[in-house]
Amino acid sequence: MKYIMMNMVRILNGSQVVVLDKKKKWGWEGLTFPGGKVEPNESFVDAAIREVKEETNLDINKLVLNGVIQWVDLTRDETQVGLLYTTKNVNGKLVEENREGKLFWCDYNEFIDMDGKSDSMADILTIFNGENTEIVKYYENDKEVKKTILSRNEG
């Protein structure tokens, strides 16, 4: 089994959140938060800070780990592990567009109700909003076949 470590950061400034409207890319297109892969010999937090800087031009710190989501691809024998962080410590000017799509500030409650979010965003939001700590989604031939959820109340 191959493991790919990833991160995502919910960047809050008051009631506003940074949203990335990601261009077409298998499984990730749509409205999401900044993030990406952890490079070899890089800490999870350092990777999240780097990815946010690369994608948004924003400087962040004081990240809080909200939970974990895993995508287990049984066909490819590969697991992507996503660590989900929140920060309220943000400086800089948000770029409006990058190679992955358009970026904008949005009221967080409006974002929750928006259509067009990326495939797993509904599950990810349950972790960011404190309902769950870990979700594991199993796929076979690009179709979800099983989902395991660990809620805050089960620990």
N, C-alpha and C. Protein backbone atom coordinates (compact mmCIF):
# COMPACT_ATOMS: atom_id res chain seq x y z
N MET A 1 0.84 -1.18 0.00
CA MET A 1 0.00 0.00 0.00
C MET A 1 0.88 1.24 0.00
N LYS A 2 0.65 2.13 -0.94
CA LYS A 2 1.37 3.40 -1.02
C LYS A 2 0.56 4.46 -0.27
N TYR A 3 1.24 5.28 0.54
CA TYR A 3 0.60 6.35 1.30
C TYR A 3 1.07 7.70 0.78
N ILE A 4 0.13 8.61 0.57
CA ILE A 4 0.42 9.98 0.17
C ILE A 4 -0.15 10.89 1.26
N MET A 5 0.72 11.67 1.87
CA MET A 5 0.30 12.57 2.94
C MET A 5 -0.08 13.92 2.35
N MET A 6 -1.23 14.43 2.80
CA MET A 6 -1.75 15.69 2.27
C MET A 6 -2.25 16.56 3.41
N ASN A 7 -2.59 17.80 3.08
CA ASN A 7 -3.14 18.71 4.08
C ASN A 7 -4.16 19.63 3.44
N MET A 8 -4.98 20.22 4.26
CA MET A 8 -5.93 21.24 3.84
C MET A 8 -6.05 22.22 5.01
N VAL A 9 -6.17 23.52 4.69
CA VAL A 9 -6.23 24.52 5.74
C VAL A 9 -7.46 25.41 5.55
N ARG A 10 -8.28 25.46 6.59
CA ARG A 10 -9.39 26.41 6.64
C ARG A 10 -8.82 27.68 7.25
N ILE A 11 -8.74 28.74 6.44
CA ILE A 11 -8.17 30.01 6.87
C ILE A 11 -9.31 30.96 7.18
N LEU A 12 -9.43 31.30 8.45
CA LEU A 12 -10.53 32.17 8.91
C LEU A 12 -10.01 33.55 9.27
N ASN A 13 -10.77 34.56 8.90
CA ASN A 13 -10.52 35.94 9.31
C ASN A 13 -11.88 36.51 9.70
N GLY A 14 -12.17 36.45 10.99
CA GLY A 14 -13.52 36.80 11.45
C GLY A 14 -14.48 35.74 10.93
N SER A 15 -15.53 36.17 10.25
CA SER A 15 -16.51 35.23 9.68
C SER A 15 -16.15 34.81 8.26
N GLN A 16 -15.04 35.32 7.74
CA GLN A 16 -14.63 35.05 6.36
C GLN A 16 -13.67 33.86 6.29
N VAL A 17 -13.75 33.11 5.17
CA VAL A 17 -12.88 31.97 4.93
C VAL A 17 -12.32 32.08 3.51
N VAL A 18 -11.09 31.63 3.32
CA VAL A 18 -10.50 31.59 1.98
C VAL A 18 -11.03 30.37 1.25
N VAL A 19 -11.56 30.59 0.04
CA VAL A 19 -12.11 29.51 -0.78
C VAL A 19 -11.33 29.45 -2.09
N LEU A 20 -11.02 28.24 -2.52
CA LEU A 20 -10.40 27.98 -3.81
C LEU A 20 -11.43 27.30 -4.70
N ASP A 21 -11.73 27.92 -5.84
CA ASP A 21 -12.61 27.29 -6.84
C ASP A 21 -11.69 26.56 -7.80
N LYS A 22 -11.44 25.31 -7.49
CA LYS A 22 -10.43 24.51 -8.17
C LYS A 22 -10.89 24.09 -9.56
N LYS A 23 -9.98 24.24 -10.51
CA LYS A 23 -10.25 23.82 -11.89
C LYS A 23 -10.38 22.32 -11.98
N LYS A 24 -10.86 21.85 -13.09
CA LYS A 24 -11.08 20.41 -13.33
C LYS A 24 -9.80 19.62 -13.08
N LYS A 25 -9.92 18.67 -12.16
CA LYS A 25 -8.84 17.75 -11.84
C LYS A 25 -9.53 16.59 -11.14
N TRP A 26 -9.26 15.37 -11.51
CA TRP A 26 -10.00 14.23 -11.00
C TRP A 26 -10.18 14.28 -9.50
N GLY A 27 -11.44 14.28 -9.08
CA GLY A 27 -11.77 14.19 -7.67
C GLY A 27 -11.62 15.45 -6.85
N TRP A 28 -11.09 16.52 -7.41
CA TRP A 28 -10.82 17.70 -6.60
C TRP A 28 -11.43 18.97 -7.15
N GLU A 29 -12.06 18.94 -8.30
CA GLU A 29 -12.61 20.16 -8.84
C GLU A 29 -13.73 20.68 -7.96
N GLY A 30 -13.94 21.99 -7.99
CA GLY A 30 -14.99 22.60 -7.21
C GLY A 30 -14.46 23.43 -6.06
N LEU A 31 -15.36 23.90 -5.23
CA LEU A 31 -15.02 24.77 -4.11
C LEU A 31 -14.38 23.97 -2.98
N THR A 32 -13.24 24.45 -2.53
CA THR A 32 -12.47 23.75 -1.50
C THR A 32 -11.62 24.76 -0.75
N PHE A 33 -10.76 24.28 0.12
CA PHE A 33 -9.81 25.12 0.84
C PHE A 33 -8.40 24.82 0.33
N PRO A 34 -7.45 25.75 0.52
CA PRO A 34 -6.08 25.52 0.07
C PRO A 34 -5.43 24.32 0.78
N GLY A 35 -4.48 23.71 0.10
CA GLY A 35 -3.74 22.59 0.67
C GLY A 35 -3.02 21.82 -0.42
N GLY A 36 -2.36 20.74 -0.03
CA GLY A 36 -1.64 19.95 -1.01
C GLY A 36 -0.85 18.84 -0.35
N LYS A 37 0.18 18.40 -1.05
CA LYS A 37 0.97 17.25 -0.61
C LYS A 37 2.09 17.65 0.34
N VAL A 38 2.42 16.72 1.21
CA VAL A 38 3.57 16.85 2.10
C VAL A 38 4.78 16.30 1.36
N GLU A 39 5.84 17.10 1.28
CA GLU A 39 7.06 16.68 0.59
C GLU A 39 7.91 15.81 1.53
N PRO A 40 8.81 14.98 0.96
CA PRO A 40 9.70 14.18 1.81
C PRO A 40 10.49 15.06 2.78
N ASN A 41 10.65 14.58 4.00
CA ASN A 41 11.40 15.26 5.06
C ASN A 41 10.78 16.59 5.49
N GLU A 42 9.50 16.78 5.25
CA GLU A 42 8.80 18.00 5.62
C GLU A 42 7.78 17.68 6.71
N SER A 43 7.67 18.51 7.72
CA SER A 43 6.66 18.28 8.75
C SER A 43 5.28 18.58 8.17
N PHE A 44 4.25 18.05 8.80
CA PHE A 44 2.88 18.28 8.32
C PHE A 44 2.53 19.76 8.38
N VAL A 45 2.87 20.42 9.48
CA VAL A 45 2.54 21.84 9.63
C VAL A 45 3.34 22.68 8.64
N ASP A 46 4.63 22.40 8.48
CA ASP A 46 5.45 23.15 7.51
C ASP A 46 4.89 22.99 6.10
N ALA A 47 4.43 21.79 5.77
CA ALA A 47 3.84 21.55 4.45
C ALA A 47 2.57 22.37 4.26
N ALA A 48 1.74 22.43 5.28
CA ALA A 48 0.49 23.20 5.19
C ALA A 48 0.79 24.68 5.02
N ILE A 49 1.75 25.20 5.78
CA ILE A 49 2.14 26.61 5.67
C ILE A 49 2.68 26.90 4.27
N ARG A 50 3.53 26.01 3.76
CA ARG A 50 4.12 26.18 2.42
C ARG A 50 3.04 26.15 1.35
N GLU A 51 2.15 25.15 1.41
CA GLU A 51 1.10 25.04 0.41
C GLU A 51 0.20 26.28 0.38
N VAL A 52 -0.16 26.77 1.55
CA VAL A 52 -1.00 27.97 1.62
C VAL A 52 -0.27 29.15 1.00
N LYS A 53 1.01 29.32 1.31
CA LYS A 53 1.79 30.43 0.73
C LYS A 53 1.84 30.30 -0.79
N GLU A 54 2.14 29.09 -1.29
CA GLU A 54 2.24 28.88 -2.74
C GLU A 54 0.91 29.15 -3.44
N GLU A 55 -0.20 28.71 -2.83
CA GLU A 55 -1.50 28.82 -3.50
C GLU A 55 -2.18 30.17 -3.32
N THR A 56 -1.93 30.83 -2.19
CA THR A 56 -2.71 32.03 -1.86
C THR A 56 -1.89 33.30 -1.69
N ASN A 57 -0.59 33.18 -1.48
CA ASN A 57 0.31 34.27 -1.14
C ASN A 57 0.12 34.74 0.31
N LEU A 58 -0.66 34.01 1.11
CA LEU A 58 -0.89 34.39 2.50
C LEU A 58 0.11 33.70 3.42
N ASP A 59 0.48 34.41 4.48
CA ASP A 59 1.33 33.85 5.53
C ASP A 59 0.42 33.44 6.68
N ILE A 60 0.56 32.19 7.12
CA ILE A 60 -0.26 31.69 8.22
C ILE A 60 0.62 31.09 9.30
N ASN A 61 0.07 31.00 10.51
CA ASN A 61 0.75 30.30 11.60
C ASN A 61 -0.30 29.90 12.62
N LYS A 62 0.14 29.26 13.70
CA LYS A 62 -0.73 28.79 14.77
C LYS A 62 -1.86 27.91 14.24
N LEU A 63 -1.49 26.88 13.51
CA LEU A 63 -2.47 25.94 12.96
C LEU A 63 -2.98 25.00 14.04
N VAL A 64 -4.26 24.69 13.98
CA VAL A 64 -4.89 23.74 14.90
C VAL A 64 -5.35 22.55 14.07
N LEU A 65 -4.95 21.35 14.50
CA LEU A 65 -5.35 20.12 13.81
C LEU A 65 -6.80 19.78 14.19
N ASN A 66 -7.68 19.74 13.18
CA ASN A 66 -9.09 19.41 13.42
C ASN A 66 -9.38 17.92 13.31
N GLY A 67 -8.67 17.23 12.43
CA GLY A 67 -8.91 15.81 12.23
C GLY A 67 -8.26 15.31 10.95
N VAL A 68 -8.67 14.11 10.55
CA VAL A 68 -8.03 13.42 9.43
C VAL A 68 -9.10 12.81 8.53
N ILE A 69 -8.85 12.88 7.22
CA ILE A 69 -9.67 12.15 6.26
C ILE A 69 -8.74 11.30 5.41
N GLN A 70 -9.19 10.07 5.13
CA GLN A 70 -8.39 9.16 4.29
C GLN A 70 -9.23 8.72 3.10
N TRP A 71 -8.57 8.66 1.94
CA TRP A 71 -9.18 8.12 0.74
C TRP A 71 -8.38 6.86 0.38
N VAL A 72 -8.99 5.70 0.57
CA VAL A 72 -8.32 4.43 0.33
C VAL A 72 -8.77 3.91 -1.03
N ASP A 73 -7.84 3.86 -1.98
CA ASP A 73 -8.14 3.37 -3.32
C ASP A 73 -7.72 1.91 -3.38
N LEU A 74 -8.70 1.03 -3.29
CA LEU A 74 -8.43 -0.41 -3.27
C LEU A 74 -7.94 -0.91 -4.62
N THR A 75 -8.33 -0.27 -5.70
CA THR A 75 -7.91 -0.67 -7.03
C THR A 75 -6.43 -0.36 -7.26
N ARG A 76 -6.01 0.83 -6.85
CA ARG A 76 -4.63 1.28 -7.06
C ARG A 76 -3.70 0.93 -5.88
N ASP A 77 -4.26 0.36 -4.80
CA ASP A 77 -3.50 0.03 -3.61
C ASP A 77 -2.77 1.27 -3.08
N GLU A 78 -3.56 2.35 -2.91
CA GLU A 78 -3.00 3.64 -2.53
C GLU A 78 -3.94 4.33 -1.55
N THR A 79 -3.37 4.97 -0.55
CA THR A 79 -4.15 5.73 0.42
C THR A 79 -3.62 7.15 0.50
N GLN A 80 -4.54 8.11 0.35
CA GLN A 80 -4.22 9.51 0.58
C GLN A 80 -4.74 9.87 1.96
N VAL A 81 -3.84 10.41 2.80
CA VAL A 81 -4.18 10.80 4.15
C VAL A 81 -4.15 12.31 4.23
N GLY A 82 -5.29 12.91 4.53
CA GLY A 82 -5.39 14.37 4.60
C GLY A 82 -5.53 14.86 6.02
N LEU A 83 -4.58 15.68 6.46
CA LEU A 83 -4.66 16.31 7.77
C LEU A 83 -5.34 17.66 7.59
N LEU A 84 -6.37 17.91 8.39
CA LEU A 84 -7.21 19.09 8.23
C LEU A 84 -6.93 20.09 9.36
N TYR A 85 -6.48 21.27 8.97
CA TYR A 85 -6.08 22.31 9.92
C TYR A 85 -6.97 23.55 9.79
N THR A 86 -7.03 24.31 10.88
CA THR A 86 -7.65 25.63 10.88
C THR A 86 -6.66 26.63 11.44
N THR A 87 -6.67 27.83 10.87
CA THR A 87 -5.91 28.94 11.46
C THR A 87 -6.75 30.21 11.37
N LYS A 88 -6.53 31.05 12.37
CA LYS A 88 -7.12 32.39 12.39
C LYS A 88 -6.02 33.44 12.31
N ASN A 89 -4.79 32.96 12.19
CA ASN A 89 -3.62 33.83 12.12
C ASN A 89 -3.16 33.93 10.67
N VAL A 90 -3.53 35.02 10.03
CA VAL A 90 -3.26 35.18 8.61
C VAL A 90 -2.83 36.61 8.31
N ASN A 91 -1.82 36.73 7.43
CA ASN A 91 -1.32 38.03 6.99
C ASN A 91 -1.06 37.97 5.50
N GLY A 92 -1.12 39.13 4.86
CA GLY A 92 -0.81 39.22 3.44
C GLY A 92 -2.04 39.52 2.61
N LYS A 93 -1.82 39.61 1.30
CA LYS A 93 -2.88 39.91 0.35
C LYS A 93 -3.17 38.66 -0.48
N LEU A 94 -4.41 38.22 -0.47
CA LEU A 94 -4.82 37.03 -1.21
C LEU A 94 -4.72 37.27 -2.71
N VAL A 95 -4.06 36.36 -3.44
CA VAL A 95 -4.05 36.44 -4.90
C VAL A 95 -5.43 35.98 -5.39
N GLU A 96 -5.87 36.54 -6.52
CA GLU A 96 -7.21 36.22 -7.02
C GLU A 96 -7.26 34.94 -7.83
N GLU A 97 -6.10 34.52 -8.35
CA GLU A 97 -6.09 33.31 -9.18
C GLU A 97 -4.70 32.70 -9.14
N ASN A 98 -4.64 31.38 -9.23
CA ASN A 98 -3.37 30.67 -9.34
C ASN A 98 -3.54 29.55 -10.37
N ARG A 99 -2.55 28.70 -10.50
CA ARG A 99 -2.59 27.63 -11.50
C ARG A 99 -3.73 26.64 -11.25
N GLU A 100 -4.23 26.59 -10.00
CA GLU A 100 -5.27 25.63 -9.65
C GLU A 100 -6.68 26.18 -9.76
N GLY A 101 -6.82 27.51 -9.78
CA GLY A 101 -8.16 28.09 -9.88
C GLY A 101 -8.23 29.48 -9.29
N LYS A 102 -9.46 29.93 -9.02
CA LYS A 102 -9.70 31.26 -8.48
C LYS A 102 -9.84 31.20 -6.96
N LEU A 103 -9.35 32.24 -6.30
CA LEU A 103 -9.40 32.33 -4.84
C LEU A 103 -10.21 33.54 -4.44
N PHE A 104 -10.94 33.41 -3.32
CA PHE A 104 -11.71 34.54 -2.82
C PHE A 104 -12.05 34.34 -1.35
N TRP A 105 -12.33 35.46 -0.69
CA TRP A 105 -12.85 35.42 0.68
C TRP A 105 -14.36 35.30 0.60
N CYS A 106 -14.92 34.55 1.52
CA CYS A 106 -16.36 34.29 1.51
C CYS A 106 -16.82 34.13 2.96
N ASP A 107 -18.06 34.54 3.25
CA ASP A 107 -18.62 34.29 4.57
C ASP A 107 -18.69 32.77 4.78
N TYR A 108 -18.17 32.29 5.92
CA TYR A 108 -18.09 30.85 6.15
C TYR A 108 -19.46 30.18 6.10
N ASN A 109 -20.46 30.79 6.71
CA ASN A 109 -21.80 30.19 6.70
C ASN A 109 -22.38 30.15 5.28
N GLU A 110 -22.07 31.14 4.47
CA GLU A 110 -22.50 31.11 3.07
C GLU A 110 -21.80 29.98 2.31
N PHE A 111 -20.51 29.79 2.60
CA PHE A 111 -19.76 28.71 1.96
C PHE A 111 -20.40 27.35 2.25
N ILE A 112 -20.78 27.14 3.50
CA ILE A 112 -21.38 25.86 3.89
C ILE A 112 -22.61 25.54 3.04
N ASP A 113 -23.38 26.58 2.69
CA ASP A 113 -24.61 26.39 1.91
C ASP A 113 -24.41 26.43 0.40
N MET A 114 -23.21 26.73 -0.07
CA MET A 114 -22.95 26.86 -1.51
C MET A 114 -23.01 25.52 -2.23
N ASP A 115 -23.48 25.56 -3.46
CA ASP A 115 -23.39 24.41 -4.36
C ASP A 115 -22.02 24.44 -5.03
N GLY A 116 -21.61 23.30 -5.58
CA GLY A 116 -20.38 23.24 -6.35
C GLY A 116 -19.13 22.95 -5.55
N LYS A 117 -19.30 22.48 -4.30
CA LYS A 117 -18.12 22.12 -3.51
C LYS A 117 -17.50 20.83 -4.06
N SER A 118 -16.20 20.63 -3.80
CA SER A 118 -15.51 19.42 -4.27
C SER A 118 -16.14 18.18 -3.63
N ASP A 119 -15.87 17.02 -4.23
CA ASP A 119 -16.54 15.76 -3.89
C ASP A 119 -16.60 15.43 -2.41
N SER A 120 -15.51 15.57 -1.70
CA SER A 120 -15.47 15.15 -0.30
C SER A 120 -15.72 16.30 0.68
N MET A 121 -16.03 17.48 0.17
CA MET A 121 -16.12 18.64 1.05
C MET A 121 -17.21 18.51 2.11
N ALA A 122 -18.31 17.87 1.81
CA ALA A 122 -19.37 17.69 2.83
C ALA A 122 -18.83 16.90 4.02
N ASP A 123 -18.07 15.84 3.75
CA ASP A 123 -17.46 15.05 4.82
C ASP A 123 -16.39 15.86 5.56
N ILE A 124 -15.58 16.58 4.80
CA ILE A 124 -14.51 17.38 5.40
C ILE A 124 -15.09 18.43 6.34
N LEU A 125 -16.19 19.04 5.94
CA LEU A 125 -16.81 20.07 6.79
C LEU A 125 -17.29 19.50 8.12
N THR A 126 -17.69 18.23 8.16
CA THR A 126 -18.09 17.64 9.44
C THR A 126 -16.91 17.55 10.41
N ILE A 127 -15.71 17.43 9.86
CA ILE A 127 -14.51 17.42 10.70
C ILE A 127 -14.18 18.85 11.13
N PHE A 128 -14.17 19.78 10.17
CA PHE A 128 -13.89 21.17 10.52
C PHE A 128 -14.90 21.73 11.53
N ASN A 129 -16.13 21.29 11.45
CA ASN A 129 -17.17 21.82 12.33
C ASN A 129 -17.30 21.05 13.64
N GLY A 130 -16.39 20.09 13.88
CA GLY A 130 -16.31 19.43 15.17
C GLY A 130 -17.22 18.23 15.37
N GLU A 131 -17.95 17.81 14.34
CA GLU A 131 -18.83 16.65 14.47
C GLU A 131 -18.04 15.34 14.49
N ASN A 132 -17.01 15.26 13.67
CA ASN A 132 -16.22 14.04 13.50
C ASN A 132 -14.74 14.35 13.64
N THR A 133 -13.96 13.31 13.97
CA THR A 133 -12.51 13.48 14.05
C THR A 133 -11.79 12.78 12.90
N GLU A 134 -12.39 11.71 12.38
CA GLU A 134 -11.73 10.96 11.30
C GLU A 134 -12.78 10.32 10.41
N ILE A 135 -12.51 10.39 9.11
CA ILE A 135 -13.36 9.74 8.12
C ILE A 135 -12.45 8.97 7.17
N VAL A 136 -12.81 7.72 6.89
CA VAL A 136 -12.07 6.90 5.93
C VAL A 136 -13.05 6.53 4.82
N LYS A 137 -12.71 6.91 3.58
CA LYS A 137 -13.55 6.60 2.43
C LYS A 137 -12.82 5.59 1.55
N TYR A 138 -13.49 4.49 1.25
CA TYR A 138 -12.90 3.41 0.46
C TYR A 138 -13.47 3.46 -0.96
N TYR A 139 -12.57 3.33 -1.94
CA TYR A 139 -12.96 3.37 -3.35
C TYR A 139 -12.50 2.12 -4.07
N GLU A 140 -13.32 1.70 -5.03
CA GLU A 140 -12.97 0.62 -5.96
C GLU A 140 -13.41 1.08 -7.33
N ASN A 141 -12.47 1.07 -8.30
CA ASN A 141 -12.77 1.53 -9.66
C ASN A 141 -13.41 2.91 -9.65
N ASP A 142 -12.83 3.82 -8.85
CA ASP A 142 -13.24 5.22 -8.75
C ASP A 142 -14.65 5.42 -8.19
N LYS A 143 -15.21 4.44 -7.54
CA LYS A 143 -16.53 4.54 -6.92
C LYS A 143 -16.40 4.29 -5.42
N GLU A 144 -17.05 5.14 -4.61
CA GLU A 144 -17.01 4.93 -3.17
C GLU A 144 -17.80 3.67 -2.82
N VAL A 145 -17.15 2.76 -2.08
CA VAL A 145 -17.80 1.49 -1.72
C VAL A 145 -18.06 1.38 -0.22
N LYS A 146 -17.40 2.22 0.58
CA LYS A 146 -17.58 2.14 2.03
C LYS A 146 -17.07 3.43 2.66
N LYS A 147 -17.66 3.80 3.79
CA LYS A 147 -17.19 4.97 4.53
C LYS A 147 -17.24 4.65 6.03
N THR A 148 -16.16 4.94 6.73
CA THR A 148 -16.08 4.76 8.17
C THR A 148 -15.90 6.13 8.81
N ILE A 149 -16.71 6.41 9.84
CA ILE A 149 -16.67 7.71 10.50
C ILE A 149 -16.43 7.52 11.99
N LEU A 150 -15.49 8.28 12.55
CA LEU A 150 -15.28 8.33 13.98
C LEU A 150 -15.76 9.69 14.45
N SER A 151 -16.86 9.71 15.20
CA SER A 151 -17.40 10.98 15.67
C SER A 151 -16.72 11.40 16.97
N ARG A 152 -16.85 12.65 17.31
CA ARG A 152 -16.28 13.19 18.55
C ARG A 152 -16.81 12.43 19.77
N ASN A 153 -18.02 11.94 19.69
CA ASN A 153 -18.66 11.28 20.83
C ASN A 153 -18.23 9.83 21.01
N GLU A 154 -17.50 9.26 20.04
CA GLU A 154 -17.12 7.85 20.11
C GLU A 154 -15.79 7.63 20.79
N GLY A 155 -15.00 8.70 20.96
CA GLY A 155 -13.66 8.56 21.50
C GLY A 155 -13.69 8.19 22.92
